[in-house]
N, C-alpha and C. Protein backbone atom coordinates (compact mmCIF):
# COMPACT_ATOMS: atom_id res chain seq x y z
N MET A 1 87.03 163.43 163.31
CA MET A 1 87.39 164.48 162.41
C MET A 1 88.66 164.07 161.66
N ALA A 2 88.59 164.10 160.38
CA ALA A 2 89.74 163.72 159.54
C ALA A 2 90.70 164.89 159.45
N SER A 3 91.96 164.58 159.66
CA SER A 3 92.95 165.65 159.56
C SER A 3 93.49 165.71 158.14
N ASP A 4 93.89 166.86 157.76
CA ASP A 4 94.44 167.06 156.41
C ASP A 4 95.96 167.02 156.50
N ASN A 5 96.48 165.80 156.52
CA ASN A 5 97.93 165.62 156.66
C ASN A 5 98.63 165.44 155.33
N ASN A 6 97.97 165.78 154.27
CA ASN A 6 98.62 165.64 152.96
C ASN A 6 99.81 166.58 152.89
N VAL A 7 100.90 166.04 152.47
CA VAL A 7 102.12 166.82 152.34
C VAL A 7 102.42 166.99 150.87
N TYR A 8 102.63 168.20 150.50
CA TYR A 8 102.94 168.48 149.11
C TYR A 8 104.30 169.14 149.04
N SER A 9 105.13 168.61 148.21
CA SER A 9 106.43 169.26 148.03
C SER A 9 106.87 169.08 146.59
N ARG A 10 107.65 169.98 146.14
CA ARG A 10 108.25 169.91 144.81
C ARG A 10 109.73 170.02 144.99
N LYS A 11 110.47 169.09 144.40
CA LYS A 11 111.91 169.09 144.53
C LYS A 11 112.53 168.86 143.17
N ALA A 12 113.73 169.31 143.04
CA ALA A 12 114.49 169.06 141.83
C ALA A 12 115.87 168.58 142.23
N THR A 13 116.37 167.63 141.53
CA THR A 13 117.72 167.14 141.75
C THR A 13 118.57 167.57 140.57
N LEU A 14 119.66 168.20 140.85
CA LEU A 14 120.54 168.67 139.79
C LEU A 14 121.84 167.89 139.83
N SER A 15 122.31 167.56 138.68
CA SER A 15 123.60 166.90 138.56
C SER A 15 124.42 167.70 137.55
N LEU A 16 125.57 168.11 137.92
CA LEU A 16 126.41 168.94 137.08
C LEU A 16 127.69 168.20 136.77
N LYS A 17 127.96 167.99 135.50
CA LYS A 17 129.20 167.32 135.09
C LYS A 17 130.04 168.35 134.35
N ILE A 18 131.21 168.59 134.84
CA ILE A 18 132.10 169.56 134.22
C ILE A 18 133.29 168.80 133.68
N SER A 19 133.58 169.05 132.42
CA SER A 19 134.73 168.38 131.82
C SER A 19 135.46 169.36 130.91
N GLU A 20 136.63 168.96 130.52
CA GLU A 20 137.45 169.78 129.64
C GLU A 20 136.76 169.96 128.30
N PHE A 21 136.83 171.17 127.76
CA PHE A 21 136.30 171.42 126.43
C PHE A 21 137.10 170.62 125.42
N GLU A 22 136.41 169.94 124.55
CA GLU A 22 137.09 169.11 123.57
C GLU A 22 136.85 169.64 122.17
N VAL A 23 137.81 169.45 121.33
CA VAL A 23 137.66 169.77 119.91
C VAL A 23 137.72 168.45 119.17
N PRO A 24 136.75 168.11 118.40
CA PRO A 24 135.52 168.85 118.14
C PRO A 24 134.61 168.85 119.35
N PRO A 25 133.67 169.80 119.40
CA PRO A 25 132.79 169.93 120.58
C PRO A 25 131.73 168.83 120.63
N MET A 26 132.13 167.64 120.37
CA MET A 26 131.24 166.50 120.49
C MET A 26 132.08 165.35 120.99
N GLN A 27 131.42 164.38 121.48
CA GLN A 27 132.17 163.26 122.03
C GLN A 27 132.13 162.12 121.03
N ASP A 28 131.44 161.07 121.36
CA ASP A 28 131.46 159.89 120.51
C ASP A 28 130.33 159.87 119.49
N LEU A 29 129.24 160.54 119.81
CA LEU A 29 128.13 160.54 118.85
C LEU A 29 127.21 161.73 119.07
N LEU A 30 126.57 162.12 117.98
CA LEU A 30 125.52 163.14 118.01
C LEU A 30 124.27 162.52 117.41
N ILE A 31 123.14 162.78 118.05
CA ILE A 31 121.86 162.29 117.56
C ILE A 31 121.07 163.52 117.14
N ILE A 32 120.73 163.59 115.88
CA ILE A 32 120.15 164.80 115.30
C ILE A 32 118.67 164.61 115.03
N GLY A 33 117.84 165.44 115.67
CA GLY A 33 116.40 165.38 115.47
C GLY A 33 116.00 165.90 114.11
N ARG A 34 114.83 165.49 113.65
CA ARG A 34 114.36 165.86 112.31
C ARG A 34 114.19 167.37 112.12
N LYS A 35 113.85 168.10 113.19
CA LYS A 35 113.66 169.55 113.08
C LYS A 35 114.72 170.30 113.89
N ALA A 36 115.88 169.71 114.07
CA ALA A 36 116.95 170.32 114.86
C ALA A 36 117.47 171.58 114.16
N PRO A 37 117.96 172.54 114.94
CA PRO A 37 118.46 173.78 114.34
C PRO A 37 119.69 173.57 113.46
N ILE A 38 120.38 172.48 113.63
CA ILE A 38 121.51 172.15 112.76
C ILE A 38 121.21 170.80 112.12
N GLY A 39 121.31 170.75 110.81
CA GLY A 39 120.97 169.53 110.09
C GLY A 39 122.15 168.58 109.95
N PRO A 40 121.87 167.38 109.46
CA PRO A 40 122.92 166.37 109.35
C PRO A 40 124.10 166.78 108.47
N GLU A 41 123.83 167.46 107.37
CA GLU A 41 124.94 167.84 106.48
C GLU A 41 125.83 168.89 107.14
N ALA A 42 125.25 169.82 107.86
CA ALA A 42 126.05 170.82 108.58
C ALA A 42 126.87 170.15 109.67
N VAL A 43 126.30 169.17 110.35
CA VAL A 43 127.03 168.42 111.38
C VAL A 43 128.19 167.66 110.74
N ARG A 44 127.93 167.03 109.60
CA ARG A 44 128.99 166.29 108.91
C ARG A 44 130.14 167.22 108.49
N ARG A 45 129.79 168.39 107.94
CA ARG A 45 130.83 169.35 107.53
C ARG A 45 131.63 169.83 108.73
N MET A 46 130.95 170.08 109.85
CA MET A 46 131.64 170.50 111.06
C MET A 46 132.61 169.41 111.52
N ALA A 47 132.15 168.18 111.54
CA ALA A 47 133.01 167.07 111.97
C ALA A 47 134.19 166.91 111.03
N ASP A 48 133.96 167.01 109.73
CA ASP A 48 135.05 166.87 108.77
C ASP A 48 136.06 168.01 108.90
N ALA A 49 135.57 169.21 109.19
CA ALA A 49 136.48 170.35 109.32
C ALA A 49 137.33 170.24 110.58
N LEU A 50 136.74 169.76 111.66
CA LEU A 50 137.46 169.70 112.93
C LEU A 50 138.22 168.40 113.15
N SER A 51 137.72 167.33 112.61
CA SER A 51 138.31 166.00 112.81
C SER A 51 138.11 165.16 111.56
N PRO A 52 138.90 165.43 110.54
CA PRO A 52 138.68 164.75 109.26
C PRO A 52 138.74 163.23 109.38
N GLU A 53 137.76 162.61 108.75
CA GLU A 53 137.68 161.15 108.62
C GLU A 53 137.58 160.40 109.95
N GLN A 54 137.10 161.06 110.99
CA GLN A 54 136.93 160.37 112.27
C GLN A 54 135.48 160.02 112.58
N PHE A 55 134.55 160.58 111.80
CA PHE A 55 133.13 160.33 112.08
C PHE A 55 132.40 159.89 110.82
N THR A 56 131.33 159.12 111.02
CA THR A 56 130.46 158.67 109.94
C THR A 56 129.04 159.15 110.23
N LEU A 57 128.40 159.70 109.22
CA LEU A 57 127.01 160.15 109.36
C LEU A 57 126.09 159.05 108.85
N LEU A 58 125.17 158.61 109.70
CA LEU A 58 124.21 157.58 109.33
C LEU A 58 122.82 158.19 109.33
N LYS A 59 122.16 158.22 108.18
CA LYS A 59 120.79 158.75 108.09
C LYS A 59 119.82 157.68 108.58
N MET A 60 118.79 158.12 109.28
CA MET A 60 117.84 157.20 109.91
C MET A 60 116.46 157.32 109.27
N ASN A 61 115.76 156.23 109.27
CA ASN A 61 114.34 156.22 108.92
C ASN A 61 113.57 156.09 110.23
N HIS A 62 113.45 157.24 110.93
CA HIS A 62 112.88 157.26 112.28
C HIS A 62 111.99 158.50 112.38
N PRO A 63 110.86 158.42 113.11
CA PRO A 63 109.96 159.58 113.16
C PRO A 63 110.54 160.83 113.81
N LYS A 64 111.49 160.70 114.76
CA LYS A 64 112.05 161.88 115.43
C LYS A 64 113.53 162.11 115.12
N ILE A 65 114.23 161.09 114.75
CA ILE A 65 115.68 161.17 114.56
C ILE A 65 116.01 161.12 113.08
N GLU A 66 116.73 162.16 112.62
CA GLU A 66 117.08 162.21 111.20
C GLU A 66 118.41 161.53 110.90
N ALA A 67 119.36 161.67 111.83
CA ALA A 67 120.67 161.09 111.56
C ALA A 67 121.44 160.93 112.87
N VAL A 68 122.47 160.10 112.80
CA VAL A 68 123.38 159.90 113.93
C VAL A 68 124.79 160.02 113.38
N LEU A 69 125.58 160.85 114.04
CA LEU A 69 127.00 160.98 113.68
C LEU A 69 127.79 160.17 114.70
N LEU A 70 128.55 159.21 114.21
CA LEU A 70 129.26 158.27 115.09
C LEU A 70 130.76 158.32 114.86
N ARG A 71 131.51 158.20 115.94
CA ARG A 71 132.97 158.08 115.83
C ARG A 71 133.28 156.74 115.15
N ASN A 72 134.13 156.76 114.15
CA ASN A 72 134.43 155.56 113.37
C ASN A 72 134.98 154.42 114.20
N THR A 73 135.73 154.72 115.25
CA THR A 73 136.31 153.64 116.04
C THR A 73 135.23 152.79 116.72
N LEU A 74 134.07 153.40 117.01
CA LEU A 74 132.97 152.62 117.59
C LEU A 74 132.45 151.60 116.60
N LEU A 75 132.38 152.02 115.33
CA LEU A 75 131.88 151.11 114.30
C LEU A 75 132.88 149.99 114.02
N GLN A 76 134.13 150.20 114.37
CA GLN A 76 135.12 149.14 114.19
C GLN A 76 135.05 148.12 115.32
N MET A 77 134.45 148.52 116.45
CA MET A 77 134.41 147.63 117.60
C MET A 77 133.11 146.85 117.72
N ILE A 78 132.02 147.42 117.27
CA ILE A 78 130.69 146.79 117.43
C ILE A 78 129.94 146.87 116.10
N ASP A 79 129.19 145.85 115.81
CA ASP A 79 128.38 145.80 114.61
C ASP A 79 127.45 147.02 114.54
N GLU A 80 127.40 147.66 113.38
CA GLU A 80 126.62 148.89 113.21
C GLU A 80 125.14 148.69 113.57
N LYS A 81 124.53 147.60 113.11
CA LYS A 81 123.10 147.38 113.39
C LYS A 81 122.85 147.23 114.89
N LEU A 82 123.69 146.50 115.58
CA LEU A 82 123.52 146.32 117.02
C LEU A 82 123.71 147.66 117.75
N LEU A 83 124.75 148.39 117.36
CA LEU A 83 125.03 149.68 118.00
C LEU A 83 123.88 150.67 117.78
N MET A 84 123.38 150.75 116.55
CA MET A 84 122.29 151.68 116.26
C MET A 84 121.00 151.28 116.97
N LYS A 85 120.75 149.99 117.09
CA LYS A 85 119.55 149.52 117.81
C LYS A 85 119.59 150.02 119.25
N ILE A 86 120.73 149.89 119.90
CA ILE A 86 120.86 150.32 121.30
C ILE A 86 120.75 151.85 121.41
N ILE A 87 121.44 152.56 120.54
CA ILE A 87 121.40 154.03 120.58
C ILE A 87 119.98 154.55 120.37
N LEU A 88 119.29 154.02 119.37
CA LEU A 88 117.93 154.49 119.08
C LEU A 88 116.96 154.14 120.21
N GLU A 89 117.09 152.96 120.78
CA GLU A 89 116.21 152.57 121.90
C GLU A 89 116.35 153.54 123.07
N GLU A 90 117.56 153.93 123.37
CA GLU A 90 117.78 154.82 124.51
C GLU A 90 117.46 156.27 124.16
N ALA A 91 117.83 156.71 122.98
CA ALA A 91 117.65 158.12 122.60
C ALA A 91 116.19 158.48 122.36
N GLU A 92 115.43 157.58 121.78
CA GLU A 92 114.06 157.93 121.43
C GLU A 92 113.18 158.19 122.66
N ARG A 93 113.64 157.76 123.83
CA ARG A 93 112.88 158.01 125.06
C ARG A 93 113.02 159.45 125.53
N MET A 94 114.08 160.14 125.10
CA MET A 94 114.29 161.49 125.61
C MET A 94 114.41 162.56 124.54
N ILE A 95 114.56 162.20 123.29
CA ILE A 95 114.78 163.22 122.26
C ILE A 95 113.44 163.72 121.71
N SER A 96 113.42 165.00 121.37
CA SER A 96 112.31 165.52 120.58
C SER A 96 112.88 165.78 119.19
N ASP A 97 112.01 166.02 118.24
CA ASP A 97 112.50 166.16 116.87
C ASP A 97 113.28 167.46 116.65
N SER A 98 113.30 168.36 117.63
CA SER A 98 114.05 169.61 117.47
C SER A 98 115.38 169.60 118.26
N MET A 99 115.75 168.47 118.80
CA MET A 99 116.95 168.41 119.64
C MET A 99 118.14 167.78 118.90
N VAL A 100 119.33 168.12 119.41
CA VAL A 100 120.55 167.41 119.04
C VAL A 100 121.16 166.93 120.36
N LEU A 101 121.33 165.65 120.48
CA LEU A 101 121.89 165.07 121.70
C LEU A 101 123.34 164.69 121.46
N ARG A 102 124.16 164.96 122.43
CA ARG A 102 125.56 164.55 122.40
C ARG A 102 125.72 163.42 123.41
N SER A 103 126.50 162.43 123.05
CA SER A 103 126.64 161.30 123.96
C SER A 103 128.07 160.78 123.98
N GLU A 104 128.42 160.27 125.13
CA GLU A 104 129.69 159.59 125.30
C GLU A 104 129.39 158.10 125.32
N LEU A 105 130.11 157.33 124.58
CA LEU A 105 129.89 155.89 124.53
C LEU A 105 131.23 155.19 124.71
N LYS A 106 131.38 154.51 125.79
CA LYS A 106 132.60 153.78 126.06
C LYS A 106 132.31 152.29 125.96
N ILE A 107 133.17 151.58 125.31
CA ILE A 107 133.02 150.14 125.15
C ILE A 107 134.13 149.47 125.93
N ALA A 108 133.76 148.57 126.80
CA ALA A 108 134.74 147.79 127.55
C ALA A 108 134.54 146.32 127.22
N LEU A 109 135.57 145.68 126.86
CA LEU A 109 135.51 144.27 126.50
C LEU A 109 135.86 143.43 127.72
N SER A 110 135.05 142.44 127.98
CA SER A 110 135.30 141.55 129.10
C SER A 110 135.49 140.14 128.56
N VAL A 111 136.59 139.52 128.89
CA VAL A 111 136.90 138.19 128.38
C VAL A 111 137.19 137.27 129.55
N GLN A 112 136.61 136.10 129.48
CA GLN A 112 136.92 135.09 130.48
C GLN A 112 137.18 133.80 129.73
N ARG A 113 138.30 133.19 130.01
CA ARG A 113 138.64 131.93 129.34
C ARG A 113 138.89 130.85 130.37
N GLU A 114 138.57 129.67 129.99
CA GLU A 114 138.83 128.53 130.85
C GLU A 114 139.82 127.63 130.12
N VAL A 115 140.86 127.23 130.82
CA VAL A 115 141.88 126.39 130.18
C VAL A 115 142.06 125.11 130.99
N ASP A 116 142.50 124.09 130.32
CA ASP A 116 142.80 122.83 131.00
C ASP A 116 144.12 122.94 131.73
N LEU A 117 144.18 122.40 132.93
CA LEU A 117 145.43 122.38 133.68
C LEU A 117 146.23 121.15 133.31
N LEU A 118 147.52 121.28 133.26
CA LEU A 118 148.37 120.13 132.90
C LEU A 118 148.55 119.19 134.06
């Protein structure tokens, strides 16, 4: 006689990150879906009003993502094409066209040099 030892369970894992409210209410970048409740121009105006000249709006030719608002200092540290390739690869896996995603992006430079000893 076969026993019915199938175990069924449903679980959820929650992770809660609490941080200080920042002005503007975005971090390093916003990814704006094509049907998001707030459009790219409204996001740009908000960024300009709260943090003048600190962000750049980049319009995308992407099926789900209409634009990305990026902190200018990131564009000074990494080539725009390389940075956008990475952001789009990661964001397109989780964004729907009605979402706006906020992201923190930290860049750490690692340098190793080898020198001749005297």
